[in-house]
Amino acid sequence: TLIVTAVSYGCIIVTILHIPSSAGRRKAFSTCSAHLIVVTVFYSTCIYRYIRPEQRGGQDSDKILSLFFSVLTQTLNPYIYSLRNRQVK
């Protein structure tokens, strides 16, 4: 899923860079940035968990990673997306 997400964001960024006006590019990047933050938090915890070397007492860090992976990402979603809302601003 990481590859599919990375390829789709690559296509989105290339398309945004082809927008002629700078105001249009800024608005498009602003729209994508909220989702990109959530995706980065989500995948970075997954990648760190599987790249990290084996260690003793790793259960405490596994608990923290699972907290980021399952709870924090889901909790941040409404807040990050509501910041894009005009009524909230």
N, C-alpha and C. Protein backbone atom coordinates (compact mmCIF):
# COMPACT_ATOMS: atom_id res chain seq x y z
N THR A 1 0.82 -1.20 0.00
CA THR A 1 0.00 0.00 0.00
C THR A 1 0.86 1.26 0.00
N LEU A 2 2.05 1.15 0.58
CA LEU A 2 2.96 2.30 0.58
C LEU A 2 3.35 2.69 -0.83
N ILE A 3 3.62 1.72 -1.66
CA ILE A 3 4.03 2.00 -3.05
C ILE A 3 2.88 2.64 -3.82
N VAL A 4 1.69 2.11 -3.65
CA VAL A 4 0.52 2.68 -4.34
C VAL A 4 0.28 4.12 -3.89
N THR A 5 0.38 4.36 -2.59
CA THR A 5 0.19 5.72 -2.07
C THR A 5 1.28 6.66 -2.56
N ALA A 6 2.53 6.19 -2.56
CA ALA A 6 3.64 7.04 -3.01
C ALA A 6 3.51 7.37 -4.50
N VAL A 7 3.12 6.40 -5.31
CA VAL A 7 2.95 6.64 -6.74
C VAL A 7 1.80 7.62 -6.99
N SER A 8 0.70 7.45 -6.26
CA SER A 8 -0.43 8.35 -6.48
C SER A 8 -0.09 9.78 -6.04
N TYR A 9 0.65 9.93 -4.93
CA TYR A 9 1.06 11.28 -4.53
C TYR A 9 2.09 11.84 -5.51
N GLY A 10 2.92 11.01 -6.06
CA GLY A 10 3.85 11.48 -7.09
C GLY A 10 3.11 12.03 -8.30
N CYS A 11 2.07 11.32 -8.73
CA CYS A 11 1.25 11.80 -9.85
C CYS A 11 0.53 13.10 -9.50
N ILE A 12 0.04 13.18 -8.27
CA ILE A 12 -0.64 14.40 -7.84
C ILE A 12 0.32 15.58 -7.83
N ILE A 13 1.53 15.38 -7.33
CA ILE A 13 2.51 16.47 -7.27
C ILE A 13 2.92 16.91 -8.67
N VAL A 14 3.12 15.96 -9.56
CA VAL A 14 3.46 16.32 -10.95
C VAL A 14 2.33 17.13 -11.58
N THR A 15 1.10 16.72 -11.34
CA THR A 15 -0.05 17.45 -11.88
C THR A 15 -0.13 18.85 -11.30
N ILE A 16 0.11 18.97 -9.99
CA ILE A 16 0.06 20.29 -9.35
C ILE A 16 1.15 21.20 -9.91
N LEU A 17 2.32 20.65 -10.16
CA LEU A 17 3.41 21.47 -10.70
C LEU A 17 3.12 21.98 -12.11
N HIS A 18 2.19 21.35 -12.80
CA HIS A 18 1.81 21.81 -14.14
C HIS A 18 0.74 22.90 -14.11
N ILE A 19 0.24 23.25 -12.94
CA ILE A 19 -0.74 24.34 -12.83
C ILE A 19 -0.02 25.65 -13.11
N PRO A 20 -0.53 26.47 -14.03
CA PRO A 20 0.20 27.67 -14.43
C PRO A 20 0.29 28.76 -13.36
N SER A 21 -0.72 28.94 -12.55
CA SER A 21 -0.69 30.04 -11.60
C SER A 21 -0.11 29.59 -10.26
N SER A 22 0.65 30.46 -9.63
CA SER A 22 1.24 30.13 -8.33
C SER A 22 0.17 30.04 -7.25
N ALA A 23 -0.88 30.85 -7.37
CA ALA A 23 -1.97 30.78 -6.39
C ALA A 23 -2.69 29.43 -6.48
N GLY A 24 -2.86 28.93 -7.68
CA GLY A 24 -3.49 27.63 -7.86
C GLY A 24 -2.64 26.50 -7.31
N ARG A 25 -1.33 26.60 -7.55
CA ARG A 25 -0.41 25.58 -6.99
C ARG A 25 -0.42 25.61 -5.48
N ARG A 26 -0.40 26.80 -4.90
CA ARG A 26 -0.40 26.92 -3.44
C ARG A 26 -1.68 26.35 -2.85
N LYS A 27 -2.82 26.61 -3.48
CA LYS A 27 -4.09 26.10 -2.98
C LYS A 27 -4.14 24.58 -3.09
N ALA A 28 -3.63 24.03 -4.19
CA ALA A 28 -3.63 22.58 -4.36
C ALA A 28 -2.71 21.90 -3.36
N PHE A 29 -1.50 22.44 -3.14
CA PHE A 29 -0.59 21.88 -2.14
C PHE A 29 -1.19 22.00 -0.74
N SER A 30 -1.87 23.08 -0.47
CA SER A 30 -2.49 23.27 0.84
C SER A 30 -3.57 22.21 1.07
N THR A 31 -4.30 21.88 0.04
CA THR A 31 -5.34 20.87 0.15
C THR A 31 -4.74 19.49 0.42
N CYS A 32 -3.65 19.17 -0.24
CA CYS A 32 -3.04 17.86 -0.10
C CYS A 32 -2.20 17.72 1.17
N SER A 33 -1.78 18.82 1.75
CA SER A 33 -0.86 18.74 2.88
C SER A 33 -1.47 18.07 4.10
N ALA A 34 -2.75 18.30 4.37
CA ALA A 34 -3.37 17.69 5.55
C ALA A 34 -3.37 16.17 5.44
N HIS A 35 -3.74 15.66 4.30
CA HIS A 35 -3.74 14.21 4.11
C HIS A 35 -2.33 13.66 4.13
N LEU A 36 -1.40 14.38 3.58
CA LEU A 36 -0.02 13.92 3.55
C LEU A 36 0.57 13.81 4.96
N ILE A 37 0.19 14.70 5.86
CA ILE A 37 0.66 14.62 7.25
C ILE A 37 0.17 13.34 7.90
N VAL A 38 -1.10 13.02 7.72
CA VAL A 38 -1.66 11.80 8.32
C VAL A 38 -1.00 10.57 7.71
N VAL A 39 -0.82 10.56 6.41
CA VAL A 39 -0.19 9.41 5.76
C VAL A 39 1.25 9.24 6.23
N THR A 40 1.97 10.34 6.42
CA THR A 40 3.35 10.27 6.89
C THR A 40 3.44 9.70 8.30
N VAL A 41 2.57 10.14 9.19
CA VAL A 41 2.56 9.60 10.55
C VAL A 41 2.23 8.11 10.52
N PHE A 42 1.25 7.74 9.73
CA PHE A 42 0.81 6.35 9.64
C PHE A 42 1.93 5.44 9.14
N TYR A 43 2.53 5.78 8.01
CA TYR A 43 3.55 4.92 7.43
C TYR A 43 4.88 4.98 8.15
N SER A 44 5.22 6.12 8.75
CA SER A 44 6.50 6.19 9.44
C SER A 44 6.54 5.27 10.65
N THR A 45 5.42 5.14 11.37
CA THR A 45 5.40 4.21 12.49
C THR A 45 5.51 2.77 12.02
N CYS A 46 4.86 2.46 10.91
CA CYS A 46 4.95 1.09 10.36
C CYS A 46 6.37 0.79 9.91
N ILE A 47 6.97 1.69 9.20
CA ILE A 47 8.31 1.47 8.68
C ILE A 47 9.31 1.35 9.82
N TYR A 48 9.20 2.21 10.81
CA TYR A 48 10.13 2.15 11.94
C TYR A 48 10.01 0.82 12.67
N ARG A 49 8.82 0.31 12.82
CA ARG A 49 8.61 -0.95 13.53
C ARG A 49 9.30 -2.11 12.83
N TYR A 50 9.28 -2.14 11.53
CA TYR A 50 9.85 -3.28 10.82
C TYR A 50 11.32 -3.10 10.46
N ILE A 51 11.83 -1.89 10.46
CA ILE A 51 13.25 -1.65 10.17
C ILE A 51 14.10 -1.73 11.43
N ARG A 52 13.52 -1.41 12.55
CA ARG A 52 14.23 -1.37 13.82
C ARG A 52 14.83 -2.74 14.13
N PRO A 53 16.09 -2.77 14.63
CA PRO A 53 16.70 -4.06 14.98
C PRO A 53 16.05 -4.65 16.23
N GLU A 54 16.16 -5.97 16.36
CA GLU A 54 15.64 -6.65 17.55
C GLU A 54 16.38 -6.16 18.78
N GLN A 55 15.68 -6.03 19.87
CA GLN A 55 16.29 -5.57 21.10
C GLN A 55 15.52 -6.14 22.28
N ARG A 56 16.20 -6.22 23.42
CA ARG A 56 15.52 -6.67 24.62
C ARG A 56 14.66 -5.53 25.16
N GLY A 57 13.55 -5.92 25.78
CA GLY A 57 12.68 -4.89 26.35
C GLY A 57 12.01 -4.04 25.30
N GLY A 58 11.87 -4.56 24.11
CA GLY A 58 11.26 -3.79 23.03
C GLY A 58 9.76 -3.69 23.14
N GLN A 59 9.19 -4.35 24.13
CA GLN A 59 7.73 -4.32 24.26
C GLN A 59 7.23 -2.93 24.61
N ASP A 60 7.99 -2.19 25.40
CA ASP A 60 7.56 -0.83 25.74
C ASP A 60 7.52 0.06 24.50
N SER A 61 8.54 -0.04 23.67
CA SER A 61 8.54 0.77 22.45
C SER A 61 7.49 0.28 21.47
N ASP A 62 7.21 -1.03 21.48
CA ASP A 62 6.14 -1.55 20.63
C ASP A 62 4.78 -1.00 21.05
N LYS A 63 4.59 -0.84 22.35
CA LYS A 63 3.33 -0.27 22.84
C LYS A 63 3.17 1.18 22.38
N ILE A 64 4.25 1.93 22.43
CA ILE A 64 4.21 3.32 21.99
C ILE A 64 3.95 3.40 20.49
N LEU A 65 4.62 2.55 19.72
CA LEU A 65 4.40 2.53 18.27
C LEU A 65 2.97 2.15 17.93
N SER A 66 2.44 1.16 18.63
CA SER A 66 1.05 0.78 18.35
C SER A 66 0.09 1.89 18.72
N LEU A 67 0.43 2.67 19.75
CA LEU A 67 -0.38 3.83 20.11
C LEU A 67 -0.38 4.85 18.97
N PHE A 68 0.80 5.17 18.44
CA PHE A 68 0.89 6.09 17.30
C PHE A 68 0.13 5.55 16.10
N PHE A 69 0.35 4.27 15.82
CA PHE A 69 -0.21 3.64 14.62
C PHE A 69 -1.73 3.58 14.66
N SER A 70 -2.28 3.16 15.78
CA SER A 70 -3.72 2.91 15.80
C SER A 70 -4.54 4.04 16.40
N VAL A 71 -4.03 4.70 17.42
CA VAL A 71 -4.84 5.70 18.12
C VAL A 71 -4.54 7.12 17.65
N LEU A 72 -3.28 7.49 17.65
CA LEU A 72 -2.93 8.88 17.34
C LEU A 72 -3.31 9.27 15.92
N THR A 73 -3.05 8.39 14.97
CA THR A 73 -3.39 8.70 13.58
C THR A 73 -4.89 8.91 13.43
N GLN A 74 -5.68 8.04 14.03
CA GLN A 74 -7.14 8.16 13.93
C GLN A 74 -7.66 9.38 14.68
N THR A 75 -7.00 9.74 15.77
CA THR A 75 -7.41 10.91 16.54
C THR A 75 -7.06 12.21 15.83
N LEU A 76 -5.92 12.23 15.16
CA LEU A 76 -5.49 13.45 14.47
C LEU A 76 -6.30 13.74 13.21
N ASN A 77 -6.85 12.72 12.58
CA ASN A 77 -7.59 12.91 11.33
C ASN A 77 -8.64 14.01 11.41
N PRO A 78 -9.57 13.97 12.35
CA PRO A 78 -10.59 15.03 12.37
C PRO A 78 -10.01 16.42 12.63
N TYR A 79 -9.00 16.50 13.48
CA TYR A 79 -8.41 17.81 13.78
C TYR A 79 -7.67 18.39 12.59
N ILE A 80 -6.90 17.57 11.91
CA ILE A 80 -6.15 18.05 10.75
C ILE A 80 -7.09 18.48 9.64
N TYR A 81 -8.12 17.69 9.38
CA TYR A 81 -9.04 18.04 8.31
C TYR A 81 -9.95 19.21 8.69
N SER A 82 -10.25 19.38 9.97
CA SER A 82 -11.09 20.51 10.36
C SER A 82 -10.35 21.82 10.26
N LEU A 83 -9.02 21.79 10.35
CA LEU A 83 -8.24 23.01 10.18
C LEU A 83 -8.35 23.56 8.77
N ARG A 84 -8.72 22.72 7.83
CA ARG A 84 -8.90 23.15 6.45
C ARG A 84 -10.28 23.74 6.22
N ASN A 85 -11.17 23.63 7.19
CA ASN A 85 -12.53 24.07 7.06
C ASN A 85 -12.63 25.58 7.26
N ARG A 86 -13.35 26.26 6.44
CA ARG A 86 -13.47 27.72 6.53
C ARG A 86 -14.19 28.15 7.79
N GLN A 87 -15.20 27.40 8.22
CA GLN A 87 -15.94 27.78 9.41
C GLN A 87 -15.05 27.70 10.64
N VAL A 88 -14.13 26.75 10.68
CA VAL A 88 -13.23 26.61 11.82
C VAL A 88 -12.25 27.76 11.83
N LYS A 89 -11.75 28.15 10.66
CA LYS A 89 -10.79 29.26 10.58
C LYS A 89 -11.46 30.54 11.04
